Amino acid sequence: MSNKKIAIDLDEVVCPFLKPLTRYALRTKKIKQIPKAKAKEYNFSSIFGLDPMICKTLVAEYYHSPEFEETQPFPGVVESLN
């Protein structure tokens, strides 16, 4: 019998992503607070008004930040996956 694998979309499904990433960007890149309407695009370059390569680096660095470490799954997610 083969092992089956399931892919799960993590950001904004299992745990918040944009909110803690924004906190990280505010702290490290000195961006201005973003309007909520822009946050619906999910294009970080557009949302933060930064060059796409800077955003790529921003996201990579975020994964090593306290903001990422403090991120918790949405309520009920862990139980649903078990």
N, C-alpha and C. Protein backbone atom coordinates (compact mmCIF):
# COMPACT_ATOMS: atom_id res chain seq x y z
N MET A 1 0.84 -1.18 0.00
CA MET A 1 0.00 0.00 0.00
C MET A 1 0.88 1.24 0.00
N SER A 2 0.56 2.20 -0.85
CA SER A 2 1.37 3.40 -0.94
C SER A 2 0.93 4.45 0.09
N ASN A 3 1.88 5.26 0.51
CA ASN A 3 1.56 6.37 1.42
C ASN A 3 0.95 7.50 0.61
N LYS A 4 -0.19 7.96 1.02
CA LYS A 4 -0.82 9.08 0.35
C LYS A 4 -0.41 10.36 1.06
N LYS A 5 -0.26 11.41 0.28
CA LYS A 5 0.12 12.71 0.83
C LYS A 5 -0.95 13.72 0.45
N ILE A 6 -1.19 14.62 1.35
CA ILE A 6 -2.17 15.67 1.13
C ILE A 6 -1.47 17.01 1.25
N ALA A 7 -1.69 17.89 0.30
CA ALA A 7 -1.16 19.25 0.36
C ALA A 7 -2.19 20.15 1.01
N ILE A 8 -1.72 21.00 1.90
CA ILE A 8 -2.62 21.90 2.62
C ILE A 8 -2.11 23.32 2.44
N ASP A 9 -2.99 24.20 2.02
CA ASP A 9 -2.66 25.62 1.89
C ASP A 9 -2.56 26.21 3.29
N LEU A 10 -1.39 26.67 3.68
CA LEU A 10 -1.20 27.16 5.04
C LEU A 10 -1.67 28.59 5.25
N ASP A 11 -1.20 29.51 4.39
CA ASP A 11 -1.47 30.91 4.65
C ASP A 11 -2.93 31.29 4.45
N GLU A 12 -3.48 31.84 5.50
CA GLU A 12 -4.88 32.28 5.60
C GLU A 12 -5.87 31.12 5.58
N VAL A 13 -5.38 29.88 5.59
CA VAL A 13 -6.25 28.71 5.69
C VAL A 13 -6.00 28.02 7.03
N VAL A 14 -4.75 27.66 7.28
CA VAL A 14 -4.38 27.02 8.54
C VAL A 14 -4.00 28.07 9.59
N CYS A 15 -3.32 29.10 9.14
CA CYS A 15 -2.90 30.15 10.07
C CYS A 15 -2.85 31.50 9.34
N PRO A 16 -2.91 32.58 10.10
CA PRO A 16 -2.82 33.89 9.47
C PRO A 16 -1.43 34.08 8.87
N PHE A 17 -1.36 34.82 7.79
CA PHE A 17 -0.07 35.10 7.16
C PHE A 17 0.12 36.59 6.95
N LEU A 18 -0.86 37.24 6.33
CA LEU A 18 -0.69 38.64 5.97
C LEU A 18 -0.56 39.55 7.18
N LYS A 19 -1.34 39.30 8.22
CA LYS A 19 -1.29 40.16 9.40
C LYS A 19 0.09 40.11 10.08
N PRO A 20 0.62 38.91 10.39
CA PRO A 20 1.95 38.88 11.00
C PRO A 20 3.06 39.33 10.04
N LEU A 21 2.90 39.04 8.75
CA LEU A 21 3.88 39.53 7.77
C LEU A 21 3.87 41.05 7.74
N THR A 22 2.71 41.64 7.81
CA THR A 22 2.60 43.10 7.83
C THR A 22 3.28 43.68 9.07
N ARG A 23 3.06 43.04 10.23
CA ARG A 23 3.74 43.51 11.44
C ARG A 23 5.26 43.45 11.26
N TYR A 24 5.73 42.37 10.65
CA TYR A 24 7.17 42.23 10.40
C TYR A 24 7.66 43.32 9.43
N ALA A 25 6.91 43.56 8.36
CA ALA A 25 7.30 44.58 7.38
C ALA A 25 7.27 45.98 8.00
N LEU A 26 6.29 46.25 8.84
CA LEU A 26 6.24 47.55 9.52
C LEU A 26 7.47 47.74 10.40
N ARG A 27 7.90 46.67 11.05
CA ARG A 27 9.04 46.74 11.97
C ARG A 27 10.37 46.82 11.23
N THR A 28 10.51 46.07 10.15
CA THR A 28 11.84 45.97 9.51
C THR A 28 12.02 46.81 8.26
N LYS A 29 10.97 47.04 7.52
CA LYS A 29 11.10 47.78 6.26
C LYS A 29 10.54 49.19 6.36
N LYS A 30 10.00 49.52 7.52
CA LYS A 30 9.46 50.85 7.77
C LYS A 30 8.40 51.24 6.74
N ILE A 31 7.60 50.27 6.34
CA ILE A 31 6.51 50.58 5.42
C ILE A 31 5.42 51.32 6.19
N LYS A 32 4.52 51.95 5.45
CA LYS A 32 3.37 52.60 6.07
C LYS A 32 2.29 51.54 6.29
N GLN A 33 1.41 51.81 7.24
CA GLN A 33 0.29 50.89 7.48
C GLN A 33 -0.50 50.75 6.17
N ILE A 34 -0.89 49.55 5.85
CA ILE A 34 -1.58 49.32 4.58
C ILE A 34 -3.09 49.42 4.75
N PRO A 35 -3.78 49.98 3.75
CA PRO A 35 -5.23 50.01 3.82
C PRO A 35 -5.80 48.59 3.66
N LYS A 36 -6.89 48.29 4.34
CA LYS A 36 -7.47 46.95 4.28
C LYS A 36 -7.87 46.56 2.86
N ALA A 37 -8.31 47.50 2.06
CA ALA A 37 -8.73 47.19 0.69
C ALA A 37 -7.56 46.63 -0.12
N LYS A 38 -6.36 47.16 0.08
CA LYS A 38 -5.19 46.66 -0.64
C LYS A 38 -4.84 45.24 -0.23
N ALA A 39 -5.11 44.89 1.00
CA ALA A 39 -4.74 43.58 1.52
C ALA A 39 -5.51 42.46 0.83
N LYS A 40 -6.56 42.76 0.14
CA LYS A 40 -7.35 41.74 -0.54
C LYS A 40 -6.70 41.26 -1.83
N GLU A 41 -5.71 41.98 -2.31
CA GLU A 41 -5.03 41.61 -3.56
C GLU A 41 -4.11 40.41 -3.39
N TYR A 42 -3.50 40.25 -2.25
CA TYR A 42 -2.54 39.20 -1.94
C TYR A 42 -1.34 39.23 -2.89
N ASN A 43 -0.98 40.44 -3.30
CA ASN A 43 0.23 40.68 -4.08
C ASN A 43 1.09 41.57 -3.19
N PHE A 44 2.09 40.98 -2.56
CA PHE A 44 2.85 41.70 -1.54
C PHE A 44 3.53 42.95 -2.08
N SER A 45 4.01 42.92 -3.29
CA SER A 45 4.65 44.08 -3.88
C SER A 45 3.65 45.24 -3.96
N SER A 46 2.45 44.94 -4.40
CA SER A 46 1.41 45.95 -4.50
C SER A 46 0.93 46.39 -3.12
N ILE A 47 0.73 45.44 -2.24
CA ILE A 47 0.23 45.74 -0.89
C ILE A 47 1.19 46.66 -0.14
N PHE A 48 2.47 46.31 -0.16
CA PHE A 48 3.45 47.06 0.61
C PHE A 48 4.10 48.20 -0.17
N GLY A 49 3.87 48.26 -1.46
CA GLY A 49 4.49 49.30 -2.27
C GLY A 49 6.00 49.13 -2.35
N LEU A 50 6.44 47.88 -2.44
CA LEU A 50 7.87 47.56 -2.50
C LEU A 50 8.18 46.83 -3.80
N ASP A 51 9.43 46.89 -4.20
CA ASP A 51 9.91 46.16 -5.37
C ASP A 51 9.66 44.66 -5.17
N PRO A 52 9.27 43.94 -6.22
CA PRO A 52 9.01 42.50 -6.09
C PRO A 52 10.17 41.71 -5.48
N MET A 53 11.40 42.03 -5.83
CA MET A 53 12.54 41.30 -5.27
C MET A 53 12.70 41.58 -3.77
N ILE A 54 12.42 42.82 -3.36
CA ILE A 54 12.47 43.15 -1.94
C ILE A 54 11.39 42.37 -1.19
N CYS A 55 10.22 42.23 -1.81
CA CYS A 55 9.13 41.45 -1.19
C CYS A 55 9.50 39.98 -1.08
N LYS A 56 10.18 39.46 -2.08
CA LYS A 56 10.61 38.06 -2.03
C LYS A 56 11.56 37.85 -0.85
N THR A 57 12.48 38.77 -0.67
CA THR A 57 13.41 38.72 0.46
C THR A 57 12.67 38.92 1.78
N LEU A 58 11.72 39.84 1.79
CA LEU A 58 10.92 40.10 2.98
C LEU A 58 10.23 38.83 3.47
N VAL A 59 9.60 38.11 2.56
CA VAL A 59 8.90 36.87 2.93
C VAL A 59 9.89 35.82 3.42
N ALA A 60 11.02 35.67 2.74
CA ALA A 60 12.03 34.69 3.16
C ALA A 60 12.55 35.02 4.56
N GLU A 61 12.80 36.29 4.83
CA GLU A 61 13.29 36.70 6.15
C GLU A 61 12.22 36.55 7.22
N TYR A 62 10.98 36.78 6.83
CA TYR A 62 9.86 36.66 7.77
C TYR A 62 9.81 35.29 8.43
N TYR A 63 10.14 34.24 7.67
CA TYR A 63 10.09 32.88 8.21
C TYR A 63 11.07 32.64 9.35
N HIS A 64 11.99 33.59 9.58
CA HIS A 64 12.96 33.48 10.67
C HIS A 64 12.72 34.55 11.73
N SER A 65 11.54 35.15 11.72
CA SER A 65 11.25 36.28 12.60
C SER A 65 10.43 35.86 13.82
N PRO A 66 10.43 36.71 14.85
CA PRO A 66 9.56 36.45 16.00
C PRO A 66 8.08 36.48 15.61
N GLU A 67 7.73 37.31 14.64
CA GLU A 67 6.34 37.38 14.19
C GLU A 67 5.88 36.04 13.63
N PHE A 68 6.75 35.37 12.89
CA PHE A 68 6.41 34.05 12.36
C PHE A 68 6.34 33.03 13.49
N GLU A 69 7.32 33.06 14.37
CA GLU A 69 7.39 32.09 15.48
C GLU A 69 6.15 32.18 16.38
N GLU A 70 5.58 33.37 16.50
CA GLU A 70 4.42 33.59 17.37
C GLU A 70 3.09 33.26 16.68
N THR A 71 3.11 32.98 15.39
CA THR A 71 1.88 32.71 14.65
C THR A 71 1.27 31.38 15.10
N GLN A 72 0.00 31.41 15.37
CA GLN A 72 -0.74 30.22 15.83
C GLN A 72 -1.79 29.84 14.79
N PRO A 73 -2.10 28.57 14.67
CA PRO A 73 -3.17 28.15 13.75
C PRO A 73 -4.51 28.75 14.17
N PHE A 74 -5.39 28.88 13.19
CA PHE A 74 -6.74 29.33 13.49
C PHE A 74 -7.42 28.31 14.40
N PRO A 75 -8.37 28.76 15.22
CA PRO A 75 -9.07 27.83 16.12
C PRO A 75 -9.71 26.67 15.34
N GLY A 76 -9.51 25.47 15.87
CA GLY A 76 -10.12 24.27 15.30
C GLY A 76 -9.34 23.60 14.19
N VAL A 77 -8.30 24.25 13.68
CA VAL A 77 -7.56 23.69 12.55
C VAL A 77 -6.81 22.42 12.94
N VAL A 78 -6.10 22.46 14.03
CA VAL A 78 -5.29 21.30 14.44
C VAL A 78 -6.20 20.09 14.66
N GLU A 79 -7.30 20.31 15.32
CA GLU A 79 -8.25 19.22 15.58
C GLU A 79 -8.81 18.66 14.27
N SER A 80 -9.07 19.53 13.32
CA SER A 80 -9.61 19.10 12.04
C SER A 80 -8.61 18.26 11.23
N LEU A 81 -7.34 18.55 11.41
CA LEU A 81 -6.31 17.83 10.65
C LEU A 81 -5.92 16.49 11.29
N ASN A 82 -6.25 16.33 12.54
CA ASN A 82 -5.88 15.08 13.23
C ASN A 82 -6.76 13.96 12.82
